[in-house]
Amino acid sequence: MADRTRPIGETRPLRDRREDTSFGEVLEYVKLYAKQETVGPLRGAGRWIAFGAAAAVAMGLGLMMILLGLLRLVQTELDRLARGSLSWAPYAIVLVITVALLAVTLTRIKKSTLNNEPN
């Protein structure tokens, strides 16, 4: 098991290092530590975000096409709703279905797993 009090790559004994440590060295150790703790996790997060964004775009386009097809279906099959004073009804029907799909989607997101790191 590695000694956690020493920076990575440091082989000098701890007491010798304390005697001649300058502000510049401390600053360099802090920079190395910050890079180690931020860059590594961000690399994994970048791929996770890229796959998530690609899936969101694909699903969004697919659902948009399905909802547009549903709108055209309602306008074609329910001819009375597509004309006159009820011409807004097909749009309202599709809007209600869209809101229902959004509600189902939001209830399926598990907030407890959003911040978990992969094993």
PDB file of N, CA and C in Angstrom:
ATOM      1  N   MET A   1       0.839  -1.176   0.000  1.00  0.00           N
ATOM      2  CA  MET A   1       0.000   0.000   0.000  1.00  0.00           C
ATOM      3  C   MET A   1       0.886   1.242   0.000  1.00  0.00           C
ATOM      4  N   ALA A   2       0.592   2.200  -0.812  1.00  0.00           N
ATOM      5  CA  ALA A   2       1.416   3.391  -0.966  1.00  0.00           C
ATOM      6  C   ALA A   2       1.213   4.343   0.211  1.00  0.00           C
ATOM      7  N   ASP A   3       2.273   5.087   0.513  1.00  0.00           N
ATOM      8  CA  ASP A   3       2.205   6.095   1.565  1.00  0.00           C
ATOM      9  C   ASP A   3       1.465   7.311   1.018  1.00  0.00           C
ATOM     10  N   ARG A   4       0.338   7.662   1.597  1.00  0.00           N
ATOM     11  CA  ARG A   4      -0.507   8.734   1.069  1.00  0.00           C
ATOM     12  C   ARG A   4       0.026  10.123   1.415  1.00  0.00           C
ATOM     13  N   THR A   5       1.020  10.221   2.273  1.00  0.00           N
ATOM     14  CA  THR A   5       1.553  11.540   2.626  1.00  0.00           C
ATOM     15  C   THR A   5       2.588  12.013   1.635  1.00  0.00           C
ATOM     16  N   ARG A   6       3.060  11.139   0.776  1.00  0.00           N
ATOM     17  CA  ARG A   6       4.054  11.525  -0.210  1.00  0.00           C
ATOM     18  C   ARG A   6       3.411  11.743  -1.566  1.00  0.00           C
ATOM     19  N   PRO A   7       3.849  12.751  -2.285  1.00  0.00           N
ATOM     20  CA  PRO A   7       3.369  12.928  -3.660  1.00  0.00           C
ATOM     21  C   PRO A   7       3.838  11.785  -4.545  1.00  0.00           C
ATOM     22  N   ILE A   8       3.178  11.610  -5.635  1.00  0.00           N
ATOM     23  CA  ILE A   8       3.515  10.543  -6.568  1.00  0.00           C
ATOM     24  C   ILE A   8       4.921  10.782  -7.101  1.00  0.00           C
ATOM     25  N   GLY A   9       5.766   9.752  -7.059  1.00  0.00           N
ATOM     26  CA  GLY A   9       7.119   9.863  -7.582  1.00  0.00           C
ATOM     27  C   GLY A   9       8.122  10.374  -6.565  1.00  0.00           C
ATOM     28  N   GLU A  10       7.729  10.737  -5.380  1.00  0.00           N
ATOM     29  CA  GLU A  10       8.637  11.254  -4.351  1.00  0.00           C
ATOM     30  C   GLU A  10       9.250  10.072  -3.617  1.00  0.00           C
ATOM     31  N   THR A  11      10.592   9.992  -3.578  1.00  0.00           N
ATOM     32  CA  THR A  11      11.258   8.873  -2.928  1.00  0.00           C
ATOM     33  C   THR A  11      12.034   9.284  -1.691  1.00  0.00           C
ATOM     34  N   ARG A  12      12.197  10.582  -1.481  1.00  0.00           N
ATOM     35  CA  ARG A  12      12.941  11.029  -0.297  1.00  0.00           C
ATOM     36  C   ARG A  12      12.125  10.774   0.955  1.00  0.00           C
ATOM     37  N   PRO A  13      12.785  10.542   2.087  1.00  0.00           N
ATOM     38  CA  PRO A  13      12.046  10.398   3.344  1.00  0.00           C
ATOM     39  C   PRO A  13      11.274  11.663   3.663  1.00  0.00           C
ATOM     40  N   LEU A  14      10.187  11.521   4.402  1.00  0.00           N
ATOM     41  CA  LEU A  14       9.304  12.637   4.701  1.00  0.00           C
ATOM     42  C   LEU A  14      10.000  13.730   5.492  1.00  0.00           C
ATOM     43  N   ARG A  15      10.828  13.396   6.472  1.00  0.00           N
ATOM     44  CA  ARG A  15      11.454  14.432   7.300  1.00  0.00           C
ATOM     45  C   ARG A  15      12.470  15.245   6.507  1.00  0.00           C
ATOM     46  N   ASP A  16      13.201  14.617   5.547  1.00  0.00           N
ATOM     47  CA  ASP A  16      14.144  15.370   4.723  1.00  0.00           C
ATOM     48  C   ASP A  16      13.411  16.345   3.818  1.00  0.00           C
ATOM     49  N   ARG A  17      12.279  15.949   3.335  1.00  0.00           N
ATOM     50  CA  ARG A  17      11.508  16.791   2.424  1.00  0.00           C
ATOM     51  C   ARG A  17      10.968  18.015   3.144  1.00  0.00           C
ATOM     52  N   ARG A  18      10.562  17.894   4.384  1.00  0.00           N
ATOM     53  CA  ARG A  18      10.005  19.021   5.128  1.00  0.00           C
ATOM     54  C   ARG A  18      11.035  20.115   5.359  1.00  0.00           C
ATOM     55  N   GLU A  19      12.276  19.747   5.522  1.00  0.00           N
ATOM     56  CA  GLU A  19      13.307  20.725   5.851  1.00  0.00           C
ATOM     57  C   GLU A  19      13.603  21.675   4.709  1.00  0.00           C
ATOM     58  N   ASP A  20      13.574  21.198   3.476  1.00  0.00           N
ATOM     59  CA  ASP A  20      13.963  22.060   2.364  1.00  0.00           C
ATOM     60  C   ASP A  20      12.811  22.338   1.382  1.00  0.00           C
ATOM     61  N   THR A  21      11.591  22.232   1.830  1.00  0.00           N
ATOM     62  CA  THR A  21      10.442  22.493   0.968  1.00  0.00           C
ATOM     63  C   THR A  21      10.242  24.002   0.836  1.00  0.00           C
ATOM     64  N   SER A  22      10.199  24.452  -0.384  1.00  0.00           N
ATOM     65  CA  SER A  22       9.973  25.878  -0.633  1.00  0.00           C
ATOM     66  C   SER A  22       8.533  26.090  -1.079  1.00  0.00           C
ATOM     67  N   PHE A  23       8.143  27.342  -1.145  1.00  0.00           N
ATOM     68  CA  PHE A  23       6.791  27.680  -1.566  1.00  0.00           C
ATOM     69  C   PHE A  23       6.529  27.197  -2.986  1.00  0.00           C
ATOM     70  N   GLY A  24       7.511  27.279  -3.851  1.00  0.00           N
ATOM     71  CA  GLY A  24       7.354  26.822  -5.231  1.00  0.00           C
ATOM     72  C   GLY A  24       7.074  25.337  -5.326  1.00  0.00           C
ATOM     73  N   GLU A  25       7.759  24.552  -4.476  1.00  0.00           N
ATOM     74  CA  GLU A  25       7.522  23.114  -4.480  1.00  0.00           C
ATOM     75  C   GLU A  25       6.122  22.784  -3.969  1.00  0.00           C
ATOM     76  N   VAL A  26       5.713  23.484  -2.924  1.00  0.00           N
ATOM     77  CA  VAL A  26       4.358  23.262  -2.400  1.00  0.00           C
ATOM     78  C   VAL A  26       3.329  23.598  -3.467  1.00  0.00           C
ATOM     79  N   LEU A  27       3.532  24.699  -4.156  1.00  0.00           N
ATOM     80  CA  LEU A  27       2.617  25.095  -5.222  1.00  0.00           C
ATOM     81  C   LEU A  27       2.586  24.046  -6.333  1.00  0.00           C
ATOM     82  N   GLU A  28       3.757  23.501  -6.660  1.00  0.00           N
ATOM     83  CA  GLU A  28       3.830  22.462  -7.686  1.00  0.00           C
ATOM     84  C   GLU A  28       3.090  21.199  -7.239  1.00  0.00           C
ATOM     85  N   TYR A  29       3.222  20.814  -5.959  1.00  0.00           N
ATOM     86  CA  TYR A  29       2.504  19.652  -5.436  1.00  0.00           C
ATOM     87  C   TYR A  29       0.995  19.876  -5.477  1.00  0.00           C
ATOM     88  N   VAL A  30       0.571  21.076  -5.163  1.00  0.00           N
ATOM     89  CA  VAL A  30      -0.862  21.386  -5.191  1.00  0.00           C
ATOM     90  C   VAL A  30      -1.382  21.298  -6.625  1.00  0.00           C
ATOM     91  N   LYS A  31      -0.606  21.792  -7.576  1.00  0.00           N
ATOM     92  CA  LYS A  31      -1.018  21.711  -8.982  1.00  0.00           C
ATOM     93  C   LYS A  31      -1.128  20.261  -9.445  1.00  0.00           C
ATOM     94  N   LEU A  32      -0.125  19.450  -9.085  1.00  0.00           N
ATOM     95  CA  LEU A  32      -0.163  18.039  -9.473  1.00  0.00           C
ATOM     96  C   LEU A  32      -1.368  17.332  -8.856  1.00  0.00           C
ATOM     97  N   TYR A  33      -1.627  17.619  -7.605  1.00  0.00           N
ATOM     98  CA  TYR A  33      -2.769  17.002  -6.925  1.00  0.00           C
ATOM     99  C   TYR A  33      -4.085  17.424  -7.575  1.00  0.00           C
ATOM    100  N   ALA A  34      -4.206  18.708  -7.894  1.00  0.00           N
ATOM    101  CA  ALA A  34      -5.435  19.201  -8.527  1.00  0.00           C
ATOM    102  C   ALA A  34      -5.649  18.543  -9.886  1.00  0.00           C
ATOM    103  N   LYS A  35      -4.589  18.391 -10.662  1.00  0.00           N
ATOM    104  CA  LYS A  35      -4.709  17.719 -11.956  1.00  0.00           C
ATOM    105  C   LYS A  35      -5.134  16.264 -11.779  1.00  0.00           C
ATOM    106  N   GLN A  36      -4.520  15.598 -10.810  1.00  0.00           N
ATOM    107  CA  GLN A  36      -4.823  14.187 -10.568  1.00  0.00           C
ATOM    108  C   GLN A  36      -6.280  14.001 -10.166  1.00  0.00           C
ATOM    109  N   GLU A  37      -6.811  14.903  -9.386  1.00  0.00           N
ATOM    110  CA  GLU A  37      -8.169  14.756  -8.870  1.00  0.00           C
ATOM    111  C   GLU A  37      -9.242  15.317  -9.798  1.00  0.00           C
ATOM    112  N   THR A  38      -8.865  16.104 -10.800  1.00  0.00           N
ATOM    113  CA  THR A  38      -9.879  16.683 -11.686  1.00  0.00           C
ATOM    114  C   THR A  38      -9.823  16.129 -13.107  1.00  0.00           C
ATOM    115  N   VAL A  39      -8.644  16.007 -13.671  1.00  0.00           N
ATOM    116  CA  VAL A  39      -8.533  15.589 -15.072  1.00  0.00           C
ATOM    117  C   VAL A  39      -8.981  14.140 -15.254  1.00  0.00           C
ATOM    118  N   GLY A  40      -8.595  13.259 -14.361  1.00  0.00           N
ATOM    119  CA  GLY A  40      -8.990  11.848 -14.469  1.00  0.00           C
ATOM    120  C   GLY A  40     -10.493  11.656 -14.478  1.00  0.00           C
ATOM    121  N   PRO A  41     -11.198  12.168 -13.468  1.00  0.00           N
ATOM    122  CA  PRO A  41     -12.654  12.016 -13.479  1.00  0.00           C
ATOM    123  C   PRO A  41     -13.331  12.717 -14.658  1.00  0.00           C
ATOM    124  N   LEU A  42     -12.772  13.826 -15.124  1.00  0.00           N
ATOM    125  CA  LEU A  42     -13.383  14.542 -16.248  1.00  0.00           C
ATOM    126  C   LEU A  42     -13.265  13.760 -17.551  1.00  0.00           C
ATOM    127  N   ARG A  43     -12.210  12.989 -17.713  1.00  0.00           N
ATOM    128  CA  ARG A  43     -12.075  12.185 -18.930  1.00  0.00           C
ATOM    129  C   ARG A  43     -13.201  11.165 -19.039  1.00  0.00           C
ATOM    130  N   GLY A  44     -13.514  10.494 -17.950  1.00  0.00           N
ATOM    131  CA  GLY A  44     -14.620   9.539 -17.946  1.00  0.00           C
ATOM    132  C   GLY A  44     -15.959  10.232 -18.122  1.00  0.00           C
ATOM    133  N   ALA A  45     -16.095  11.415 -17.530  1.00  0.00           N
ATOM    134  CA  ALA A  45     -17.355  12.149 -17.639  1.00  0.00           C
ATOM    135  C   ALA A  45     -17.590  12.631 -19.066  1.00  0.00           C
ATOM    136  N   GLY A  46     -16.535  12.953 -19.785  1.00  0.00           N
ATOM    137  CA  GLY A  46     -16.681  13.407 -21.166  1.00  0.00           C
ATOM    138  C   GLY A  46     -17.321  12.359 -22.056  1.00  0.00           C
ATOM    139  N   ARG A  47     -16.877  11.121 -21.904  1.00  0.00           N
ATOM    140  CA  ARG A  47     -17.464  10.042 -22.702  1.00  0.00           C
ATOM    141  C   ARG A  47     -18.912   9.792 -22.296  1.00  0.00           C
ATOM    142  N   TRP A  48     -19.183   9.855 -20.987  1.00  0.00           N
ATOM    143  CA  TRP A  48     -20.544   9.674 -20.480  1.00  0.00           C
ATOM    144  C   TRP A  48     -21.466  10.756 -21.030  1.00  0.00           C
ATOM    145  N   ILE A  49     -20.993  11.993 -21.058  1.00  0.00           N
ATOM    146  CA  ILE A  49     -21.795  13.108 -21.580  1.00  0.00           C
ATOM    147  C   ILE A  49     -21.997  12.956 -23.082  1.00  0.00           C
ATOM    148  N   ALA A  50     -20.968  12.526 -23.806  1.00  0.00           N
ATOM    149  CA  ALA A  50     -21.091  12.369 -25.264  1.00  0.00           C
ATOM    150  C   ALA A  50     -22.132  11.313 -25.625  1.00  0.00           C
ATOM    151  N   PHE A  51     -22.087  10.163 -24.959  1.00  0.00           N
ATOM    152  CA  PHE A  51     -23.084   9.129 -25.235  1.00  0.00           C
ATOM    153  C   PHE A  51     -24.482   9.593 -24.834  1.00  0.00           C
ATOM    154  N   GLY A  52     -24.590  10.286 -23.726  1.00  0.00           N
ATOM    155  CA  GLY A  52     -25.881  10.803 -23.284  1.00  0.00           C
ATOM    156  C   GLY A  52     -26.454  11.820 -24.254  1.00  0.00           C
ATOM    157  N   ALA A  53     -25.598  12.713 -24.752  1.00  0.00           N
ATOM    158  CA  ALA A  53     -26.060  13.726 -25.708  1.00  0.00           C
ATOM    159  C   ALA A  53     -26.488  13.083 -27.022  1.00  0.00           C
ATOM    160  N   ALA A  54     -25.724  12.110 -27.501  1.00  0.00           N
ATOM    161  CA  ALA A  54     -26.088  11.419 -28.745  1.00  0.00           C
ATOM    162  C   ALA A  54     -27.421  10.678 -28.581  1.00  0.00           C
ATOM    163  N   ALA A  55     -27.599  10.033 -27.451  1.00  0.00           N
ATOM    164  CA  ALA A  55     -28.861   9.329 -27.207  1.00  0.00           C
ATOM    165  C   ALA A  55     -30.024  10.301 -27.095  1.00  0.00           C
ATOM    166  N   ALA A  56     -29.805  11.443 -26.458  1.00  0.00           N
ATOM    167  CA  ALA A  56     -30.873  12.433 -26.316  1.00  0.00           C
ATOM    168  C   ALA A  56     -31.281  13.005 -27.668  1.00  0.00           C
ATOM    169  N   VAL A  57     -30.306  13.273 -28.523  1.00  0.00           N
ATOM    170  CA  VAL A  57     -30.621  13.805 -29.860  1.00  0.00           C
ATOM    171  C   VAL A  57     -31.383  12.761 -30.679  1.00  0.00           C
ATOM    172  N   ALA A  58     -30.910  11.518 -30.662  1.00  0.00           N
ATOM    173  CA  ALA A  58     -31.579  10.460 -31.433  1.00  0.00           C
ATOM    174  C   ALA A  58     -33.001  10.228 -30.931  1.00  0.00           C
ATOM    175  N   MET A  59     -33.158  10.170 -29.616  1.00  0.00           N
ATOM    176  CA  MET A  59     -34.494   9.939 -29.056  1.00  0.00           C
ATOM    177  C   MET A  59     -35.400  11.144 -29.320  1.00  0.00           C
ATOM    178  N   GLY A  60     -34.863  12.334 -29.217  1.00  0.00           N
ATOM    179  CA  GLY A  60     -35.654  13.534 -29.478  1.00  0.00           C
ATOM    180  C   GLY A  60     -36.152  13.587 -30.919  1.00  0.00           C
ATOM    181  N   LEU A  61     -35.266  13.287 -31.865  1.00  0.00           N
ATOM    182  CA  LEU A  61     -35.674  13.278 -33.271  1.00  0.00           C
ATOM    183  C   LEU A  61     -36.709  12.185 -33.543  1.00  0.00           C
ATOM    184  N   GLY A  62     -36.502  11.007 -32.962  1.00  0.00           N
ATOM    185  CA  GLY A  62     -37.454   9.915 -33.161  1.00  0.00           C
ATOM    186  C   GLY A  62     -38.825  10.242 -32.589  1.00  0.00           C
ATOM    187  N   LEU A  63     -38.848  10.775 -31.371  1.00  0.00           N
ATOM    188  CA  LEU A  63     -40.139  11.134 -30.776  1.00  0.00           C
ATOM    189  C   LEU A  63     -40.815  12.275 -31.521  1.00  0.00           C
ATOM    190  N   MET A  64     -40.023  13.210 -32.030  1.00  0.00           N
ATOM    191  CA  MET A  64     -40.606  14.306 -32.801  1.00  0.00           C
ATOM    192  C   MET A  64     -41.286  13.762 -34.067  1.00  0.00           C
ATOM    193  N   MET A  65     -40.640  12.815 -34.730  1.00  0.00           N
ATOM    194  CA  MET A  65     -41.239  12.221 -35.929  1.00  0.00           C
ATOM    195  C   MET A  65     -42.508  11.440 -35.586  1.00  0.00           C
ATOM    196  N   ILE A  66     -42.474  10.697 -34.487  1.00  0.00           N
ATOM    197  CA  ILE A  66     -43.660   9.934 -34.075  1.00  0.00           C
ATOM    198  C   ILE A  66     -44.814  10.875 -33.736  1.00  0.00           C
ATOM    199  N   LEU A  67     -44.523  11.950 -33.001  1.00  0.00           N
ATOM    200  CA  LEU A  67     -45.589  12.888 -32.627  1.00  0.00           C
ATOM    201  C   LEU A  67     -46.121  13.649 -33.840  1.00  0.00           C
ATOM    202  N   LEU A  68     -45.257  13.983 -34.777  1.00  0.00           N
ATOM    203  CA  LEU A  68     -45.713  14.629 -36.008  1.00  0.00           C
ATOM    204  C   LEU A  68     -46.593  13.673 -36.816  1.00  0.00           C
ATOM    205  N   GLY A  69     -46.206  12.409 -36.869  1.00  0.00           N
ATOM    206  CA  GLY A  69     -47.040  11.415 -37.543  1.00  0.00           C
ATOM    207  C   GLY A  69     -48.378  11.240 -36.845  1.00  0.00           C
ATOM    208  N   LEU A  70     -48.378  11.274 -35.524  1.00  0.00           N
ATOM    209  CA  LEU A  70     -49.634  11.184 -34.772  1.00  0.00           C
ATOM    210  C   LEU A  70     -50.534  12.384 -35.064  1.00  0.00           C
ATOM    211  N   LEU A  71     -49.945  13.564 -35.153  1.00  0.00           N
ATOM    212  CA  LEU A  71     -50.721  14.758 -35.489  1.00  0.00           C
ATOM    213  C   LEU A  71     -51.367  14.619 -36.864  1.00  0.00           C
ATOM    214  N   ARG A  72     -50.588  14.181 -37.836  1.00  0.00           N
ATOM    215  CA  ARG A  72     -51.138  14.013 -39.182  1.00  0.00           C
ATOM    216  C   ARG A  72     -52.208  12.919 -39.212  1.00  0.00           C
ATOM    217  N   LEU A  73     -52.029  11.864 -38.428  1.00  0.00           N
ATOM    218  CA  LEU A  73     -53.019  10.789 -38.350  1.00  0.00           C
ATOM    219  C   LEU A  73     -54.336  11.310 -37.777  1.00  0.00           C
ATOM    220  N   VAL A  74     -54.258  12.066 -36.688  1.00  0.00           N
ATOM    221  CA  VAL A  74     -55.476  12.618 -36.082  1.00  0.00           C
ATOM    222  C   VAL A  74     -56.147  13.593 -37.042  1.00  0.00           C
ATOM    223  N   GLN A  75     -55.370  14.412 -37.732  1.00  0.00           N
ATOM    224  CA  GLN A  75     -55.958  15.361 -38.672  1.00  0.00           C
ATOM    225  C   GLN A  75     -56.603  14.653 -39.858  1.00  0.00           C
ATOM    226  N   THR A  76     -56.041  13.536 -40.273  1.00  0.00           N
ATOM    227  CA  THR A  76     -56.588  12.811 -41.424  1.00  0.00           C
ATOM    228  C   THR A  76     -57.803  11.973 -41.051  1.00  0.00           C
ATOM    229  N   GLU A  77     -57.705  11.233 -39.960  1.00  0.00           N
ATOM    230  CA  GLU A  77     -58.764  10.302 -39.595  1.00  0.00           C
ATOM    231  C   GLU A  77     -59.956  10.984 -38.930  1.00  0.00           C
ATOM    232  N   LEU A  78     -59.734  12.003 -38.194  1.00  0.00           N
ATOM    233  CA  LEU A  78     -60.823  12.738 -37.549  1.00  0.00           C
ATOM    234  C   LEU A  78     -61.016  14.049 -38.305  1.00  0.00           C
ATOM    235  N   ASP A  79     -61.612  13.912 -39.484  1.00  0.00           N
ATOM    236  CA  ASP A  79     -61.745  15.043 -40.414  1.00  0.00           C
ATOM    237  C   ASP A  79     -62.513  16.205 -39.796  1.00  0.00           C
ATOM    238  N   ARG A  80     -63.474  15.908 -38.955  1.00  0.00           N
ATOM    239  CA  ARG A  80     -64.278  16.971 -38.343  1.00  0.00           C
ATOM    240  C   ARG A  80     -63.410  17.867 -37.455  1.00  0.00           C
ATOM    241  N   LEU A  81     -62.402  17.283 -36.795  1.00  0.00           N
ATOM    242  CA  LEU A  81     -61.522  18.068 -35.933  1.00  0.00           C
ATOM    243  C   LEU A  81     -60.524  18.904 -36.722  1.00  0.00           C
ATOM    244  N   ALA A  82     -60.266  18.520 -37.953  1.00  0.00           N
ATOM    245  CA  ALA A  82     -59.270  19.232 -38.747  1.00  0.00           C
ATOM    246  C   ALA A  82     -59.817  20.483 -39.418  1.00  0.00           C
ATOM    247  N   ARG A  83     -61.131  20.697 -39.357  1.00  0.00           N
ATOM    248  CA  ARG A  83     -61.729  21.839 -40.040  1.00  0.00           C
ATOM    249  C   ARG A  83     -62.545  22.672 -39.057  1.00  0.00           C
ATOM    250  N   GLY A  84     -62.743  23.907 -39.407  1.00  0.00           N
ATOM    251  CA  GLY A  84     -63.646  24.776 -38.659  1.00  0.00           C
ATOM    252  C   GLY A  84     -63.114  25.211 -37.306  1.00  0.00           C
ATOM    253  N   SER A  85     -64.050  25.347 -36.367  1.00  0.00           N
ATOM    254  CA  SER A  85     -63.691  25.905 -35.065  1.00  0.00           C
ATOM    255  C   SER A  85     -62.954  24.923 -34.169  1.00  0.00           C
ATOM    256  N   LEU A  86     -62.885  23.647 -34.540  1.00  0.00           N
ATOM    257  CA  LEU A  86     -62.159  22.658 -33.745  1.00  0.00           C
ATOM    258  C   LEU A  86     -60.803  22.295 -34.348  1.00  0.00           C
ATOM    259  N   SER A  87     -60.287  23.150 -35.195  1.00  0.00           N
ATOM    260  CA  SER A  87     -59.019  22.827 -35.851  1.00  0.00           C
ATOM    261  C   SER A  87     -57.849  22.779 -34.866  1.00  0.00           C
ATOM    262  N   TRP A  88     -58.005  23.309 -33.684  1.00  0.00           N
ATOM    263  CA  TRP A  88     -56.963  23.278 -32.658  1.00  0.00           C
ATOM    264  C   TRP A  88     -56.929  21.953 -31.904  1.00  0.00           C
ATOM    265  N   ALA A  89     -57.986  21.152 -31.985  1.00  0.00           N
ATOM    266  CA  ALA A  89     -58.108  19.926 -31.204  1.00  0.00           C
ATOM    267  C   ALA A  89     -56.996  18.900 -31.494  1.00  0.00           C
ATOM    268  N   PRO A  90     -56.618  18.627 -32.753  1.00  0.00           N
ATOM    269  CA  PRO A  90     -55.519  17.674 -32.971  1.00  0.00           C
ATOM    270  C   PRO A  90     -54.217  18.115 -32.303  1.00  0.00           C
ATOM    271  N   TYR A  91     -53.957  19.412 -32.310  1.00  0.00           N
ATOM    272  CA  TYR A  91     -52.744  19.925 -31.656  1.00  0.00           C
ATOM    273  C   TYR A  91     -52.835  19.725 -30.140  1.00  0.00           C
ATOM    274  N   ALA A  92     -54.010  19.931 -29.580  1.00  0.00           N
ATOM    275  CA  ALA A  92     -54.198  19.723 -28.143  1.00  0.00           C
ATOM    276  C   ALA A  92     -54.034  18.254 -27.774  1.00  0.00           C
ATOM    277  N   ILE A  93     -54.547  17.361 -28.610  1.00  0.00           N
ATOM    278  CA  ILE A  93     -54.407  15.923 -28.348  1.00  0.00           C
ATOM    279  C   ILE A  93     -52.940  15.525 -28.340  1.00  0.00           C
ATOM    280  N   VAL A  94     -52.195  15.974 -29.331  1.00  0.00           N
ATOM    281  CA  VAL A  94     -50.767  15.648 -29.409  1.00  0.00           C
ATOM    282  C   VAL A  94     -50.001  16.307 -28.263  1.00  0.00           C
ATOM    283  N   LEU A  95     -50.391  17.499 -27.866  1.00  0.00           N
ATOM    284  CA  LEU A  95     -49.736  18.168 -26.736  1.00  0.00           C
ATOM    285  C   LEU A  95     -49.945  17.381 -25.436  1.00  0.00           C
ATOM    286  N   VAL A  96     -51.158  16.895 -25.221  1.00  0.00           N
ATOM    287  CA  VAL A  96     -51.440  16.099 -24.016  1.00  0.00           C
ATOM    288  C   VAL A  96     -50.604  14.819 -24.022  1.00  0.00           C
ATOM    289  N   ILE A  97     -50.499  14.162 -25.161  1.00  0.00           N
ATOM    290  CA  ILE A  97     -49.692  12.949 -25.259  1.00  0.00           C
ATOM    291  C   ILE A  97     -48.217  13.268 -25.021  1.00  0.00           C
ATOM    292  N   THR A  98     -47.756  14.389 -25.551  1.00  0.00           N
ATOM    293  CA  THR A  98     -46.368  14.801 -25.346  1.00  0.00           C
ATOM    294  C   THR A  98     -46.076  15.054 -23.870  1.00  0.00           C
ATOM    295  N   VAL A  99     -46.970  15.741 -23.190  1.00  0.00           N
ATOM    296  CA  VAL A  99     -46.790  16.014 -21.759  1.00  0.00           C
ATOM    297  C   VAL A  99     -46.819  14.707 -20.967  1.00  0.00           C
ATOM    298  N   ALA A 100     -47.678  13.777 -21.349  1.00  0.00           N
ATOM    299  CA  ALA A 100     -47.728  12.476 -20.668  1.00  0.00           C
ATOM    300  C   ALA A 100     -46.418  11.713 -20.865  1.00  0.00           C
ATOM    301  N   LEU A 101     -45.866  11.715 -22.078  1.00  0.00           N
ATOM    302  CA  LEU A 101     -44.579  11.062 -22.323  1.00  0.00           C
ATOM    303  C   LEU A 101     -43.459  11.721 -21.530  1.00  0.00           C
ATOM    304  N   LEU A 102     -43.486  13.032 -21.439  1.00  0.00           N
ATOM    305  CA  LEU A 102     -42.485  13.754 -20.658  1.00  0.00           C
ATOM    306  C   LEU A 102     -42.587  13.392 -19.177  1.00  0.00           C
ATOM    307  N   ALA A 103     -43.793  13.298 -18.664  1.00  0.00           N
ATOM    308  CA  ALA A 103     -43.986  12.940 -17.254  1.00  0.00           C
ATOM    309  C   ALA A 103     -43.473  11.530 -16.982  1.00  0.00           C
ATOM    310  N   VAL A 104     -43.755  10.595 -17.866  1.00  0.00           N
ATOM    311  CA  VAL A 104     -43.261   9.228 -17.701  1.00  0.00           C
ATOM    312  C   VAL A 104     -41.741   9.204 -17.750  1.00  0.00           C
ATOM    313  N   THR A 105     -41.164   9.955 -18.664  1.00  0.00           N
ATOM    314  CA  THR A 105     -39.709  10.004 -18.789  1.00  0.00           C
ATOM    315  C   THR A 105     -39.061  10.565 -17.524  1.00  0.00           C
ATOM    316  N   LEU A 106     -39.621  11.631 -16.996  1.00  0.00           N
ATOM    317  CA  LEU A 106     -39.040  12.244 -15.801  1.00  0.00           C
ATOM    318  C   LEU A 106     -39.182  11.373 -14.558  1.00  0.00           C
ATOM    319  N   THR A 107     -40.219  10.574 -14.503  1.00  0.00           N
ATOM    320  CA  THR A 107     -40.363   9.681 -13.348  1.00  0.00           C
ATOM    321  C   THR A 107     -39.415   8.490 -13.428  1.00  0.00           C
ATOM    322  N   ARG A 108     -38.887   8.183 -14.608  1.00  0.00           N
ATOM    323  CA  ARG A 108     -37.978   7.049 -14.773  1.00  0.00           C
ATOM    324  C   ARG A 108     -36.532   7.407 -14.451  1.00  0.00           C
ATOM    325  N   ILE A 109     -36.206   8.673 -14.309  1.00  0.00           N
ATOM    326  CA  ILE A 109     -34.842   9.085 -13.981  1.00  0.00           C
ATOM    327  C   ILE A 109     -34.601   8.828 -12.507  1.00  0.00           C
ATOM    328  N   LYS A 110     -33.589   8.043 -12.202  1.00  0.00           N
ATOM    329  CA  LYS A 110     -33.261   7.730 -10.819  1.00  0.00           C
ATOM    330  C   LYS A 110     -32.184   8.696 -10.354  1.00  0.00           C
ATOM    331  N   LYS A 111     -32.561   9.603  -9.519  1.00  0.00           N
ATOM    332  CA  LYS A 111     -31.624  10.626  -9.072  1.00  0.00           C
ATOM    333  C   LYS A 111     -30.513  10.074  -8.196  1.00  0.00           C
ATOM    334  N   SER A 112     -30.735   8.942  -7.547  1.00  0.00           N
ATOM    335  CA  SER A 112     -29.701   8.358  -6.697  1.00  0.00           C
ATOM    336  C   SER A 112     -28.534   7.799  -7.506  1.00  0.00           C
ATOM    337  N   THR A 113     -28.746   7.488  -8.780  1.00  0.00           N
ATOM    338  CA  THR A 113     -27.676   6.918  -9.587  1.00  0.00           C
ATOM    339  C   THR A 113     -26.960   7.949 -10.453  1.00  0.00           C
ATOM    340  N   LEU A 114     -27.367   9.189 -10.418  1.00  0.00           N
ATOM    341  CA  LEU A 114     -26.737  10.180 -11.270  1.00  0.00           C
ATOM    342  C   LEU A 114     -25.315  10.504 -10.828  1.00  0.00           C
ATOM    343  N   ASN A 115     -25.018  10.454  -9.546  1.00  0.00           N
ATOM    344  CA  ASN A 115     -23.692  10.837  -9.062  1.00  0.00           C
ATOM    345  C   ASN A 115     -22.817   9.648  -8.719  1.00  0.00           C
ATOM    346  N   ASN A 116     -23.240   8.438  -8.983  1.00  0.00           N
ATOM    347  CA  ASN A 116     -22.440   7.265  -8.666  1.00  0.00           C
ATOM    348  C   ASN A 116     -21.320   7.096  -9.685  1.00  0.00           C
ATOM    349  N   GLU A 117     -20.165   6.690  -9.184  1.00  0.00           N
ATOM    350  CA  GLU A 117     -19.051   6.415 -10.073  1.00  0.00           C
ATOM    351  C   GLU A 117     -19.118   4.960 -10.505  1.00  0.00           C
ATOM    352  N   PRO A 118     -18.742   4.662 -11.746  1.00  0.00           N
ATOM    353  CA  PRO A 118     -18.761   3.267 -12.205  1.00  0.00           C
ATOM    354  C   PRO A 118     -17.701   2.464 -11.477  1.00  0.00           C
ATOM    355  N   ASN A 119     -17.978   1.178 -11.268  1.00  0.00           N
ATOM    356  CA  ASN A 119     -17.020   0.302 -10.555  1.00  0.00           C
ATOM    357  C   ASN A 119     -16.001  -0.271 -11.497  1.00  0.00           C
TER     358      ASN A 119
END
